[in-house]
Amino acid sequence: MHRITPSSPDGPILRDIDSLAKDLGLAPGDYEPYGRLKAKLVHGLANKFTDRPLGKYIGVTAVNPTPLGEGKTVTTIGLAMALSQLGHTTIGTLREPSLAPVFGIKGGGAGGGNCTLEPQADINLHFTGDMHAVTSATNLLASIIDNHVARRKTPEINPKTITWRRSLDLCDKGLAHIISGLDQPPQAPLRETGFDLTAASEVMAILALASDPRDLRTRLGRIVVGMTFDRQPVTVEQLGCAGAMAALLIDALRPNLVQSCESTPFLVHAGPFGNIAHGNSSIIADQIALRLAEYVVTESGFGADCGAEKFFDIKCRASGLQPAAEVLVCTARALKLQSGQFDVHPGKPLPPALLEENLEALRAGAVNLQAHLDIIQQYHLPTVVAINAFPDDSERELLEIQKIALEQGATAAVITRAFSEGGEGSFALAEAVVQAAELPNQFEYLYPLEMPIAEKIETIATRIYGAASVEFEPLARRRMSEYEQLGYGNLPICIAKTQYSLSHDPHLLGRPTGFTFPVRDLRLSAGAGFLYALSGEIRTMPGLPSDPAALRIDIDDAGKIIGLH
């Protein structure tokens, strides 16, 4: 049985990265240490262990959350630690945190309480530089495009058709819509453009979906940045900078090995958002982990309507890997919020009434739990509901959720206390997951790629979100027709929408029905390999809240970072 890591007043006592790697069966040449507690794995490592059987692949998703999140990362870390302590070789695979939520609303993305990834501050901030590499590659391409247009190189790009935007790993609403090229003498075309979050960029999606360096280089070359004046796509390969972008990203393509506060190994790699991108960590990390461990626990962004759907229909389709079971995280406060009886605003504290016992509101909001269970069951996977208990939760509410989840068809429903108790607080969850993963399943994708674009979007909107119909705005219809004519019709769909509702409207709570799902735009991510539909008021460069987390972060006299949660 794995030994629980002792703690000191200064935090958990962690293992050197060499010891952690050795226990996984890695040789010194299989990884490159980044200090004492971090390492990057070498290229091609998954191919080294193909003689080993694949481990059990466990996904973790959630119901629609409150703005503060429902502890999905904490639950993922706790489950991995519990599996490890029960004697199962386990690796967790998680996305790299973005600085946007770290300094914005949610705060850090490395867990909390007694369920953290370590070194926590490093992971939440600069880590091994992967985010910076993605930002630099994205902005390099933007500058190459402007230079190409200004110098009228061939193929000649129509500036009005340029879709490529710059990126930044911070919330900065002032950069969402800008005019570039104002300098004199002009070195770039005068045009409207903007910045997206790095986590929402196509380069980040490519990093997460690429299988090896050659695939990375190929995907970068396939990126379409705009059209010629006779409506032909212009790719990065034609611009000649795919190689330079790959050079910037080649180290970022290597997964990062770290550990939990109880010394369970984790591969933390890539970081696409779940609401405005495909929301899952890298294929490479999962491929390696599944050869090294009996169980691999991976988290997808936000709820089953966002990250899990994209995990199944985009990531698993690209990798060929199939999950053995899914964990659905829910909380009492999230279900009560879904009753529609509480007024909650992102960036502001949750109302005290939401945190009080209210079985009536809980039961009313439980339709949201049913909806998410139904989503996962469409993929024919056993589903374990993890009821993440907050310290002040009512025991009656937790037991009521457990009862409701089992009545709604969950394979198992377990109360978990990972935040306060670490891996030990997730033993019951781990045992339920082991049993669920042994059950037979007939995993399948939601739609075939050959289905027309409009029909694929309608399938997701009606079967996953519960919409009655889909309305395509003129721009979306025009681009849909154009992409099909250009041969991009057989790509999977990635829908950007709010995470707070099953629908496009964050105010439609519970399990809305009868609504029309609007698609206002459709973008091509040819390098990542999907079409990207935008719905509702979702934005790829949000602003800061009235009380950003950045205002609570500082350093002490010894240089230790404080206030980073």
Protein backbone atom coordinates (compact mmCIF):
# COMPACT_ATOMS: atom_id res chain seq x y z
CA MET A 1 0.00 0.00 0.00
CA HIS A 2 1.26 3.47 -0.87
CA ARG A 3 2.53 5.47 2.07
CA ILE A 4 0.69 8.70 2.82
CA THR A 5 3.12 11.60 2.65
CA PRO A 6 3.63 13.30 6.02
CA SER A 7 3.21 17.05 6.34
CA SER A 8 5.28 19.71 8.04
CA PRO A 9 4.22 23.19 9.19
CA ASP A 10 5.50 24.46 5.83
CA GLY A 11 3.38 22.03 3.82
CA PRO A 12 3.62 18.42 2.59
CA ILE A 13 6.96 16.63 2.60
CA LEU A 14 7.42 15.74 -1.07
CA ARG A 15 9.52 13.14 -2.85
CA ASP A 16 12.35 14.04 -5.19
CA ILE A 17 11.29 13.73 -8.80
CA ASP A 18 13.90 10.99 -9.39
CA SER A 19 12.29 8.78 -6.73
CA LEU A 20 8.82 9.41 -8.13
CA ALA A 21 9.94 8.58 -11.68
CA LYS A 22 11.77 5.43 -10.58
CA ASP A 23 8.62 4.06 -8.92
CA LEU A 24 6.81 4.47 -12.25
CA GLY A 25 9.46 2.41 -14.02
CA LEU A 26 11.07 5.36 -15.75
CA ALA A 27 14.80 5.31 -16.47
CA PRO A 28 16.94 8.47 -16.00
CA GLY A 29 16.91 9.03 -19.76
CA ASP A 30 13.09 9.02 -19.87
CA TYR A 31 12.70 12.42 -18.23
CA GLU A 32 14.49 15.73 -17.70
CA PRO A 33 14.29 17.23 -14.18
CA TYR A 34 13.19 20.84 -13.84
CA GLY A 35 14.51 21.33 -10.32
CA ARG A 36 13.80 18.89 -7.48
CA LEU A 37 10.02 18.52 -7.87
CA LYS A 38 9.21 18.78 -11.58
CA ALA A 39 10.28 17.01 -14.75
CA LYS A 40 9.47 16.88 -18.44
CA LEU A 41 9.13 13.48 -20.08
CA VAL A 42 11.03 12.80 -23.28
CA HIS A 43 9.47 12.48 -26.73
CA GLY A 44 8.34 9.03 -27.83
CA LEU A 45 7.92 7.62 -24.35
CA ALA A 46 4.52 6.03 -25.05
CA ASN A 47 6.12 3.89 -27.77
CA LYS A 48 8.71 2.55 -25.32
CA PHE A 49 6.08 0.77 -23.21
CA THR A 50 3.77 -0.70 -25.85
CA ASP A 51 4.46 -4.18 -24.43
CA ARG A 52 2.54 -3.20 -21.31
CA PRO A 53 -1.27 -3.46 -21.16
CA LEU A 54 -3.34 -0.30 -21.12
CA GLY A 55 -4.66 0.74 -17.72
CA LYS A 56 -8.25 1.64 -16.86
CA TYR A 57 -9.17 5.09 -18.21
CA ILE A 58 -11.40 7.03 -15.77
CA GLY A 59 -12.95 10.37 -16.72
CA VAL A 60 -14.10 12.98 -14.21
CA THR A 61 -16.80 15.54 -15.04
CA ALA A 62 -19.46 17.49 -13.13
CA VAL A 63 -22.90 19.05 -13.09
CA ASN A 64 -23.27 22.70 -14.13
CA PRO A 65 -21.21 24.58 -11.53
CA THR A 66 -21.50 27.68 -9.41
CA PRO A 67 -19.03 30.43 -10.43
CA LEU A 68 -16.60 29.21 -7.75
CA GLY A 69 -16.47 25.64 -9.06
CA GLU A 70 -17.54 22.42 -7.36
CA GLY A 71 -14.20 20.82 -6.54
CA LYS A 72 -13.80 18.67 -9.64
CA THR A 73 -10.00 19.02 -9.56
CA VAL A 74 -9.96 18.30 -5.82
CA THR A 75 -12.10 15.21 -6.44
CA THR A 76 -9.81 14.06 -9.26
CA ILE A 77 -6.72 14.44 -7.08
CA GLY A 78 -8.44 12.76 -4.11
CA LEU A 79 -9.59 9.83 -6.23
CA ALA A 80 -6.12 9.28 -7.66
CA MET A 81 -4.56 9.43 -4.18
CA ALA A 82 -7.15 7.01 -2.78
CA LEU A 83 -6.62 4.51 -5.60
CA SER A 84 -2.88 4.71 -4.99
CA GLN A 85 -3.23 4.21 -1.24
CA LEU A 86 -5.50 1.19 -1.83
CA GLY A 87 -2.63 -0.47 -3.68
CA HIS A 88 -3.38 0.41 -7.32
CA THR A 89 -0.68 2.03 -9.44
CA THR A 90 -2.36 5.29 -10.42
CA ILE A 91 -1.51 8.41 -12.41
CA GLY A 92 -3.68 11.49 -12.66
CA THR A 93 -3.68 13.59 -15.82
CA LEU A 94 -4.78 17.21 -15.55
CA ARG A 95 -4.68 20.40 -17.57
CA GLU A 96 -2.20 23.16 -16.80
CA PRO A 97 -3.83 26.09 -15.00
CA SER A 98 -4.34 29.33 -16.92
CA LEU A 99 -3.38 32.64 -15.34
CA ALA A 100 -6.80 33.99 -16.37
CA PRO A 101 -8.75 32.22 -13.56
CA VAL A 102 -5.71 32.28 -11.24
CA PHE A 103 -5.89 36.08 -11.19
CA GLY A 104 -9.61 36.30 -12.02
CA ILE A 105 -12.60 34.59 -10.40
CA LYS A 106 -11.83 30.95 -9.55
CA GLY A 107 -8.23 31.26 -8.42
CA GLY A 108 -5.63 28.51 -8.85
CA GLY A 109 -6.14 25.23 -10.65
CA ALA A 110 -3.95 22.92 -8.57
CA GLY A 111 -6.55 21.75 -6.07
CA GLY A 112 -6.98 22.90 -2.49
CA GLY A 113 -7.17 21.88 1.14
CA ASN A 114 -5.62 18.44 1.60
CA CYS A 115 -5.86 17.67 -2.12
CA THR A 116 -3.25 19.68 -3.99
CA LEU A 117 -0.75 19.26 -6.77
CA GLU A 118 2.79 20.21 -5.82
CA PRO A 119 4.71 22.43 -6.20
CA GLN A 120 1.41 24.32 -6.17
CA ALA A 121 2.66 27.86 -6.78
CA ASP A 122 4.90 26.77 -9.66
CA ILE A 123 2.08 24.86 -11.35
CA ASN A 124 -0.35 27.78 -11.00
CA LEU A 125 2.09 30.38 -12.33
CA HIS A 126 4.89 29.90 -14.88
CA PHE A 127 5.37 26.13 -14.36
CA THR A 128 7.68 24.83 -17.13
CA GLY A 129 6.87 27.58 -19.63
CA ASP A 130 4.31 25.70 -21.76
CA MET A 131 1.71 28.49 -21.64
CA HIS A 132 4.29 31.05 -22.69
CA ALA A 133 5.37 28.83 -25.59
CA VAL A 134 1.76 28.54 -26.82
CA THR A 135 1.27 32.31 -26.51
CA SER A 136 4.52 33.00 -28.38
CA ALA A 137 3.72 30.57 -31.20
CA THR A 138 0.23 32.08 -31.61
CA ASN A 139 1.57 35.62 -31.73
CA LEU A 140 4.46 34.71 -34.01
CA LEU A 141 1.92 33.52 -36.56
CA ALA A 142 -0.09 36.74 -36.16
CA SER A 143 2.98 38.84 -36.90
CA ILE A 144 3.91 36.64 -39.89
CA ILE A 145 0.38 37.10 -41.29
CA ASP A 146 0.53 40.89 -40.97
CA ASN A 147 3.99 40.97 -42.54
CA HIS A 148 2.84 38.70 -45.37
CA VAL A 149 -0.14 40.95 -46.14
CA ALA A 150 1.80 44.22 -45.84
CA ARG A 151 4.46 42.98 -48.28
CA ARG A 152 1.85 41.52 -50.65
CA LYS A 153 3.44 38.10 -50.71
CA THR A 154 1.81 35.13 -52.40
CA PRO A 155 -0.61 33.64 -51.82
CA GLU A 156 -2.22 37.06 -51.42
CA ILE A 157 -4.51 37.11 -48.39
CA ASN A 158 -7.66 39.19 -48.34
CA PRO A 159 -7.22 41.10 -45.04
CA LYS A 160 -10.98 41.07 -44.45
CA THR A 161 -10.92 37.27 -44.21
CA ILE A 162 -8.13 36.90 -41.62
CA THR A 163 -9.48 34.85 -38.72
CA TRP A 164 -6.26 34.42 -36.73
CA ARG A 165 -6.13 36.39 -33.48
CA ARG A 166 -3.36 37.02 -31.00
CA SER A 167 -3.43 35.45 -27.53
CA LEU A 168 -2.68 36.34 -23.93
CA ASP A 169 -2.87 34.17 -20.80
CA LEU A 170 -4.69 36.83 -18.75
CA CYS A 171 -8.19 38.27 -18.63
CA ASP A 172 -7.95 41.64 -20.39
CA LYS A 173 -11.27 42.70 -21.90
CA GLY A 174 -9.70 45.81 -23.42
CA LEU A 175 -7.87 43.58 -25.91
CA ALA A 176 -10.88 41.53 -27.00
CA HIS A 177 -11.60 43.84 -29.94
CA ILE A 178 -8.86 46.13 -31.25
CA ILE A 179 -7.60 47.88 -34.37
CA SER A 180 -4.03 46.92 -35.24
CA GLY A 181 -1.60 48.43 -37.72
CA LEU A 182 -1.81 52.05 -36.51
CA ASP A 183 1.95 52.67 -36.57
CA GLN A 184 3.63 54.96 -39.11
CA PRO A 185 5.15 54.12 -41.46
CA PRO A 186 2.75 51.15 -41.72
CA GLN A 187 4.38 47.75 -41.13
CA ALA A 188 1.10 45.86 -40.92
CA PRO A 189 -2.37 46.26 -42.45
CA LEU A 190 -4.85 48.45 -40.62
CA ARG A 191 -7.57 46.02 -39.53
CA GLU A 192 -9.95 44.99 -36.78
CA THR A 193 -8.77 42.02 -34.76
CA GLY A 194 -8.38 41.03 -31.11
CA PHE A 195 -6.88 38.75 -28.51
CA ASP A 196 -8.16 35.40 -27.22
CA LEU A 197 -7.12 33.70 -24.02
CA THR A 198 -4.16 31.40 -24.63
CA ALA A 199 -6.31 28.53 -23.29
CA ALA A 200 -8.85 29.27 -26.05
CA SER A 201 -6.31 29.36 -28.88
CA GLU A 202 -6.05 26.80 -31.66
CA VAL A 203 -2.38 26.29 -30.84
CA MET A 204 -3.35 25.15 -27.34
CA ALA A 205 -5.89 22.73 -28.81
CA ILE A 206 -3.22 21.39 -31.17
CA LEU A 207 -0.78 20.89 -28.28
CA ALA A 208 -3.41 18.85 -26.45
CA LEU A 209 -4.41 16.73 -29.47
CA ALA A 210 -1.03 16.12 -31.17
CA SER A 211 0.33 12.59 -30.80
CA ASP A 212 4.04 13.25 -31.47
CA PRO A 213 6.39 15.92 -32.90
CA ARG A 214 5.60 15.02 -36.51
CA ASP A 215 1.86 15.26 -35.85
CA LEU A 216 2.40 18.60 -34.09
CA ARG A 217 4.27 19.97 -37.13
CA THR A 218 1.61 18.64 -39.52
CA ARG A 219 -1.26 20.13 -37.52
CA LEU A 220 0.44 23.53 -37.31
CA GLY A 221 0.90 23.51 -41.07
CA ARG A 222 -2.83 22.76 -41.59
CA ILE A 223 -4.01 25.87 -39.71
CA VAL A 224 -6.13 28.09 -41.98
CA VAL A 225 -5.58 31.81 -41.27
CA GLY A 226 -7.75 33.39 -43.96
CA MET A 227 -8.73 33.33 -47.61
CA THR A 228 -7.30 34.58 -50.89
CA PHE A 229 -9.33 37.05 -52.94
CA ASP A 230 -10.75 34.10 -54.91
CA ARG A 231 -11.90 32.40 -51.65
CA GLN A 232 -9.21 29.73 -51.35
CA PRO A 233 -7.91 28.88 -47.84
CA VAL A 234 -4.43 30.05 -46.88
CA THR A 235 -2.57 27.73 -44.52
CA VAL A 236 0.39 28.19 -42.20
CA GLU A 237 2.34 25.78 -44.38
CA GLN A 238 1.90 28.20 -47.30
CA LEU A 239 3.12 31.09 -45.13
CA GLY A 240 6.26 29.10 -44.29
CA CYS A 241 6.27 29.47 -40.50
CA ALA A 242 4.96 26.09 -39.32
CA GLY A 243 8.52 25.01 -38.59
CA ALA A 244 9.28 28.06 -36.44
CA MET A 245 6.04 27.56 -34.50
CA ALA A 246 6.94 23.89 -33.95
CA ALA A 247 10.37 24.92 -32.69
CA LEU A 248 8.74 27.17 -30.08
CA LEU A 249 6.43 24.33 -29.01
CA ILE A 250 8.70 21.29 -29.13
CA ASP A 251 9.50 21.29 -25.40
CA ALA A 252 5.92 22.25 -24.53
CA LEU A 253 4.81 19.03 -26.26
CA ARG A 254 6.52 17.01 -23.52
CA PRO A 255 4.22 16.22 -20.54
CA ASN A 256 5.12 17.54 -17.09
CA LEU A 257 5.57 15.07 -14.23
CA VAL A 258 4.65 16.32 -10.74
CA GLN A 259 2.99 14.82 -7.65
CA SER A 260 0.09 15.34 -5.30
CA CYS A 261 0.51 16.37 -1.67
CA GLU A 262 0.43 12.62 -0.88
CA SER A 263 3.03 11.72 -3.55
CA THR A 264 0.67 10.30 -6.17
CA PRO A 265 2.19 11.00 -9.62
CA PHE A 266 0.41 13.38 -11.99
CA LEU A 267 1.05 14.40 -15.59
CA VAL A 268 -0.05 18.02 -15.94
CA HIS A 269 -0.06 19.01 -19.59
CA ALA A 270 -1.83 21.45 -21.94
CA GLY A 271 -4.75 23.60 -20.84
CA PRO A 272 -7.64 24.23 -23.25
CA PHE A 273 -10.74 25.63 -21.52
CA GLY A 274 -13.89 23.50 -21.36
CA ASN A 275 -16.40 26.19 -22.29
CA ILE A 276 -14.53 27.96 -25.11
CA ALA A 277 -12.24 25.15 -26.28
CA HIS A 278 -12.23 21.34 -26.09
CA GLY A 279 -11.39 21.30 -22.40
CA ASN A 280 -9.07 18.33 -21.86
CA SER A 281 -5.42 17.62 -21.06
CA SER A 282 -3.11 16.13 -23.65
CA ILE A 283 -3.45 12.89 -25.55
CA ILE A 284 0.29 12.28 -25.16
CA ALA A 285 0.06 12.42 -21.35
CA ASP A 286 -2.83 9.95 -21.32
CA GLN A 287 -1.09 7.56 -23.72
CA ILE A 288 2.01 7.48 -21.52
CA ALA A 289 0.07 7.23 -18.26
CA LEU A 290 -2.07 4.32 -19.51
CA ARG A 291 1.09 2.29 -20.18
CA LEU A 292 2.60 3.08 -16.76
CA ALA A 293 -0.38 2.67 -14.43
CA GLU A 294 -3.34 0.41 -13.64
CA TYR A 295 -5.64 3.43 -13.38
CA VAL A 296 -5.48 6.82 -15.08
CA VAL A 297 -7.81 9.49 -13.74
CA THR A 298 -8.35 12.45 -16.06
CA GLU A 299 -10.55 15.52 -15.68
CA SER A 300 -12.46 17.39 -18.38
CA GLY A 301 -13.51 21.02 -18.09
CA PHE A 302 -16.77 22.16 -16.45
CA GLY A 303 -19.85 19.90 -16.82
CA ALA A 304 -20.74 16.85 -18.88
CA ASP A 305 -22.34 19.21 -21.43
CA CYS A 306 -18.97 20.93 -21.99
CA GLY A 307 -15.72 19.06 -21.33
CA ALA A 308 -17.05 15.51 -21.11
CA GLU A 309 -18.90 15.66 -24.45
CA LYS A 310 -15.69 16.97 -26.04
CA PHE A 311 -13.64 14.34 -24.20
CA PHE A 312 -15.75 11.62 -25.78
CA ASP A 313 -16.38 13.06 -29.25
CA ILE A 314 -13.12 14.95 -29.90
CA LYS A 315 -10.31 13.69 -27.66
CA CYS A 316 -11.19 9.98 -27.52
CA ARG A 317 -11.97 10.00 -31.23
CA ALA A 318 -8.54 11.51 -31.97
CA SER A 319 -6.62 9.17 -29.64
CA GLY A 320 -8.62 5.96 -30.13
CA LEU A 321 -8.64 5.49 -26.35
CA GLN A 322 -11.85 4.45 -24.61
CA PRO A 323 -12.86 5.26 -21.03
CA ALA A 324 -13.84 2.46 -18.66
CA ALA A 325 -16.04 4.62 -16.42
CA GLU A 326 -16.98 8.22 -15.70
CA VAL A 327 -17.16 10.07 -12.37
CA LEU A 328 -19.79 12.81 -12.09
CA VAL A 329 -19.03 15.38 -9.38
CA CYS A 330 -21.87 17.30 -7.77
CA THR A 331 -22.37 19.43 -4.68
CA ALA A 332 -25.34 20.46 -2.61
CA ARG A 333 -24.80 24.14 -3.45
CA ALA A 334 -24.63 23.49 -7.21
CA LEU A 335 -27.89 21.56 -7.21
CA LYS A 336 -29.62 24.18 -5.05
CA LEU A 337 -28.44 26.89 -7.44
CA GLN A 338 -29.96 24.94 -10.34
CA SER A 339 -33.37 25.26 -8.64
CA GLY A 340 -33.48 28.87 -9.83
CA GLN A 341 -34.28 30.14 -6.33
CA PHE A 342 -31.00 32.00 -5.77
CA ASP A 343 -29.40 35.08 -7.33
CA VAL A 344 -25.75 34.32 -8.10
CA HIS A 345 -23.32 36.47 -10.10
CA PRO A 346 -19.81 35.49 -11.29
CA GLY A 347 -17.16 37.46 -9.45
CA LYS A 348 -19.29 37.94 -6.33
CA PRO A 349 -19.58 35.79 -3.16
CA LEU A 350 -22.26 33.12 -3.10
CA PRO A 351 -25.38 34.28 -1.22
CA PRO A 352 -25.50 32.94 2.38
CA ALA A 353 -28.95 31.40 1.75
CA LEU A 354 -27.43 29.08 -0.87
CA LEU A 355 -25.15 27.59 1.79
CA GLU A 356 -27.98 26.89 4.24
CA GLU A 357 -29.90 23.61 4.35
CA ASN A 358 -32.78 23.66 1.86
CA LEU A 359 -34.00 20.22 0.86
CA GLU A 360 -36.79 21.65 -1.27
CA ALA A 361 -34.35 23.63 -3.45
CA LEU A 362 -32.01 20.63 -3.57
CA ARG A 363 -34.73 18.36 -4.89
CA ALA A 364 -35.85 20.98 -7.42
CA GLY A 365 -32.29 21.41 -8.73
CA ALA A 366 -31.64 17.67 -8.91
CA VAL A 367 -33.10 17.66 -12.43
CA ASN A 368 -29.69 19.02 -13.45
CA LEU A 369 -27.98 15.96 -11.98
CA GLN A 370 -30.39 13.75 -13.92
CA ALA A 371 -29.57 15.61 -17.14
CA HIS A 372 -25.84 15.06 -16.69
CA LEU A 373 -26.33 11.39 -15.86
CA ASP A 374 -28.39 11.07 -19.03
CA ILE A 375 -25.64 12.74 -21.06
CA ILE A 376 -23.03 10.21 -19.92
CA GLN A 377 -25.42 7.30 -20.37
CA GLN A 378 -25.75 8.23 -24.04
CA TYR A 379 -22.11 7.08 -24.32
CA HIS A 380 -22.99 3.82 -22.51
CA LEU A 381 -20.54 4.27 -19.64
CA PRO A 382 -20.93 3.26 -15.99
CA THR A 383 -21.23 6.46 -13.94
CA VAL A 384 -20.24 6.99 -10.32
CA VAL A 385 -21.65 10.14 -8.72
CA ALA A 386 -19.11 11.78 -6.38
CA ILE A 387 -20.89 14.03 -3.88
CA ASN A 388 -18.19 16.52 -2.92
CA ALA A 389 -18.85 17.56 0.68
CA PHE A 390 -17.95 21.05 1.84
CA PRO A 391 -17.16 21.43 5.58
CA ASP A 392 -20.45 23.19 6.41
CA ASP A 393 -22.73 21.03 4.25
CA SER A 394 -25.83 19.53 5.81
CA GLU A 395 -25.52 15.77 6.24
CA ARG A 396 -29.22 15.44 5.36
CA GLU A 397 -28.60 17.17 2.03
CA LEU A 398 -25.64 14.92 1.22
CA LEU A 399 -27.63 11.77 1.97
CA GLU A 400 -30.55 13.11 -0.08
CA ILE A 401 -28.26 13.62 -3.09
CA GLN A 402 -26.97 10.07 -2.69
CA LYS A 403 -30.52 8.72 -2.64
CA ILE A 404 -31.57 10.82 -5.65
CA ALA A 405 -28.50 9.85 -7.72
CA LEU A 406 -29.15 6.15 -7.22
CA GLU A 407 -32.81 6.59 -8.11
CA GLN A 408 -31.75 8.45 -11.26
CA GLY A 409 -29.64 5.54 -12.48
CA ALA A 410 -26.10 6.17 -11.23
CA THR A 411 -23.98 3.02 -10.98
CA ALA A 412 -22.95 4.21 -7.51
CA ALA A 413 -23.19 7.42 -5.47
CA VAL A 414 -20.58 8.20 -2.85
CA ILE A 415 -19.99 11.11 -0.47
CA THR A 416 -16.37 12.24 -0.73
CA ARG A 417 -14.43 14.48 1.65
CA ALA A 418 -11.18 14.84 -0.25
CA PHE A 419 -10.74 18.56 0.51
CA SER A 420 -10.63 18.01 4.27
CA GLU A 421 -9.35 14.43 4.48
CA GLY A 422 -7.17 13.96 1.38
CA GLY A 423 -6.98 10.51 -0.20
CA GLU A 424 -8.49 8.86 2.86
CA GLY A 425 -11.65 10.90 2.31
CA SER A 426 -12.03 9.29 -1.12
CA PHE A 427 -11.55 5.60 -0.27
CA ALA A 428 -15.24 4.81 -0.80
CA LEU A 429 -15.18 6.65 -4.14
CA ALA A 430 -12.09 4.74 -5.24
CA GLU A 431 -13.69 1.40 -4.36
CA ALA A 432 -16.83 2.32 -6.30
CA VAL A 433 -14.76 3.38 -9.33
CA VAL A 434 -12.78 0.11 -9.31
CA GLN A 435 -16.05 -1.83 -9.36
CA ALA A 436 -17.58 0.39 -12.08
CA ALA A 437 -14.51 0.08 -14.29
CA GLU A 438 -14.92 -3.71 -14.32
CA LEU A 439 -18.43 -3.48 -15.73
CA PRO A 440 -18.88 -4.07 -19.47
CA ASN A 441 -19.64 -0.99 -21.54
CA GLN A 442 -20.37 -0.29 -25.18
CA PHE A 443 -18.77 3.12 -25.49
CA GLU A 444 -19.66 4.93 -28.70
CA TYR A 445 -19.50 8.44 -30.11
CA LEU A 446 -22.57 10.67 -30.26
CA TYR A 447 -22.47 11.21 -34.04
CA PRO A 448 -20.59 9.96 -37.13
CA LEU A 449 -18.16 12.39 -38.75
CA GLU A 450 -19.86 11.91 -42.12
CA MET A 451 -23.00 13.63 -40.81
CA PRO A 452 -23.53 17.15 -42.27
CA ILE A 453 -22.22 20.01 -40.11
CA ALA A 454 -25.67 21.39 -39.28
CA GLU A 455 -26.92 17.95 -38.29
CA LYS A 456 -23.92 17.34 -36.00
CA ILE A 457 -24.54 20.64 -34.21
CA GLU A 458 -28.25 19.85 -33.95
CA THR A 459 -27.44 16.41 -32.51
CA ILE A 460 -25.31 17.92 -29.74
CA ALA A 461 -27.82 20.70 -29.04
CA THR A 462 -30.86 18.43 -28.83
CA ARG A 463 -29.41 15.27 -27.28
CA ILE A 464 -26.85 16.84 -24.92
CA TYR A 465 -28.25 20.30 -24.12
CA GLY A 466 -31.95 19.46 -24.41
CA ALA A 467 -32.76 22.10 -27.06
CA ALA A 468 -35.89 21.82 -29.18
CA SER A 469 -34.15 23.25 -32.26
CA VAL A 470 -31.11 25.15 -33.51
CA GLU A 471 -31.09 28.55 -35.17
CA PHE A 472 -28.08 29.38 -37.36
CA GLU A 473 -27.41 33.08 -37.86
CA PRO A 474 -26.50 34.17 -41.43
CA LEU A 475 -22.74 34.32 -40.72
CA ALA A 476 -22.76 30.78 -39.31
CA ARG A 477 -24.76 29.47 -42.30
CA ARG A 478 -22.42 31.16 -44.76
CA ARG A 479 -19.33 29.72 -43.12
CA MET A 480 -20.93 26.29 -42.78
CA SER A 481 -21.56 26.18 -46.52
CA GLU A 482 -18.07 27.44 -47.28
CA TYR A 483 -16.34 24.90 -45.02
CA GLU A 484 -18.31 22.02 -46.51
CA GLN A 485 -17.40 23.15 -50.03
CA LEU A 486 -13.72 23.34 -49.03
CA GLY A 487 -13.76 19.76 -47.71
CA TYR A 488 -13.89 20.43 -43.98
CA GLY A 489 -17.38 19.02 -43.43
CA ASN A 490 -16.21 15.76 -41.85
CA LEU A 491 -14.62 17.33 -38.77
CA PRO A 492 -16.05 16.91 -35.25
CA ILE A 493 -17.78 19.85 -33.57
CA CYS A 494 -16.54 21.90 -30.61
CA ILE A 495 -19.26 24.20 -29.25
CA ALA A 496 -18.36 27.26 -27.16
CA LYS A 497 -21.14 28.10 -24.74
CA THR A 498 -21.77 29.03 -21.13
CA GLN A 499 -20.76 26.54 -18.45
CA TYR A 500 -23.49 27.67 -16.03
CA SER A 501 -26.44 26.16 -17.90
CA LEU A 502 -27.12 23.18 -20.11
CA SER A 503 -28.30 25.76 -22.65
CA HIS A 504 -26.63 28.81 -24.23
CA ASP A 505 -28.20 31.12 -21.61
CA PRO A 506 -26.64 31.14 -18.12
CA HIS A 507 -30.02 32.12 -16.65
CA LEU A 508 -31.78 28.97 -17.90
CA LEU A 509 -31.16 26.70 -14.91
CA GLY A 510 -32.14 23.18 -13.96
CA ARG A 511 -32.98 21.15 -17.05
CA PRO A 512 -34.38 23.61 -19.60
CA THR A 513 -36.45 22.29 -22.49
CA GLY A 514 -38.19 23.75 -25.51
CA PHE A 515 -35.55 26.40 -26.14
CA THR A 516 -33.92 27.30 -29.45
CA PHE A 517 -30.13 26.99 -29.39
CA PRO A 518 -28.54 29.88 -31.38
CA VAL A 519 -25.29 29.51 -33.32
CA ARG A 520 -23.95 32.95 -34.17
CA ASP A 521 -20.64 31.98 -35.75
CA LEU A 522 -18.70 28.98 -36.98
CA ARG A 523 -14.91 28.95 -37.10
CA LEU A 524 -12.51 26.47 -38.63
CA SER A 525 -9.74 24.95 -36.53
CA ALA A 526 -8.20 22.85 -39.29
CA GLY A 527 -4.99 22.25 -37.36
CA ALA A 528 -6.73 21.06 -34.22
CA GLY A 529 -9.13 19.12 -36.40
CA PHE A 530 -12.56 20.45 -35.45
CA LEU A 531 -15.14 23.09 -36.29
CA TYR A 532 -15.76 25.61 -33.56
CA ALA A 533 -19.34 26.90 -33.11
CA LEU A 534 -20.06 29.93 -30.90
CA SER A 535 -23.36 30.29 -29.09
CA GLY A 536 -24.87 32.90 -26.81
CA GLU A 537 -22.74 35.57 -25.16
CA ILE A 538 -19.66 33.42 -24.60
CA ARG A 539 -16.45 35.35 -25.22
CA THR A 540 -12.93 34.12 -25.88
CA MET A 541 -11.38 37.07 -23.97
CA PRO A 542 -13.32 37.78 -20.77
CA GLY A 543 -12.76 40.63 -18.35
CA LEU A 544 -11.86 40.65 -14.66
CA PRO A 545 -14.48 40.55 -11.89
CA SER A 546 -15.03 43.42 -9.45
CA ASP A 547 -12.83 41.68 -6.87
CA PRO A 548 -10.20 39.71 -8.80
CA ALA A 549 -8.15 37.04 -7.07
CA ALA A 550 -5.02 38.98 -8.10
CA LEU A 551 -5.73 41.50 -5.31
CA ARG A 552 -5.20 38.79 -2.67
CA ILE A 553 -1.84 37.48 -3.92
CA ASP A 554 1.47 38.72 -2.52
CA ILE A 555 4.90 37.61 -1.33
CA ASP A 556 6.25 37.59 2.23
CA ASP A 557 9.64 38.86 3.37
CA ALA A 558 11.22 35.49 2.61
CA GLY A 559 9.94 35.58 -0.97
CA LYS A 560 7.23 32.96 -0.44
CA ILE A 561 4.07 33.47 -2.49
CA ILE A 562 0.97 33.90 -0.33
CA GLY A 563 -2.74 34.17 -1.12
CA LEU A 564 -2.57 31.90 -4.16
CA HIS A 565 -5.42 29.38 -3.87
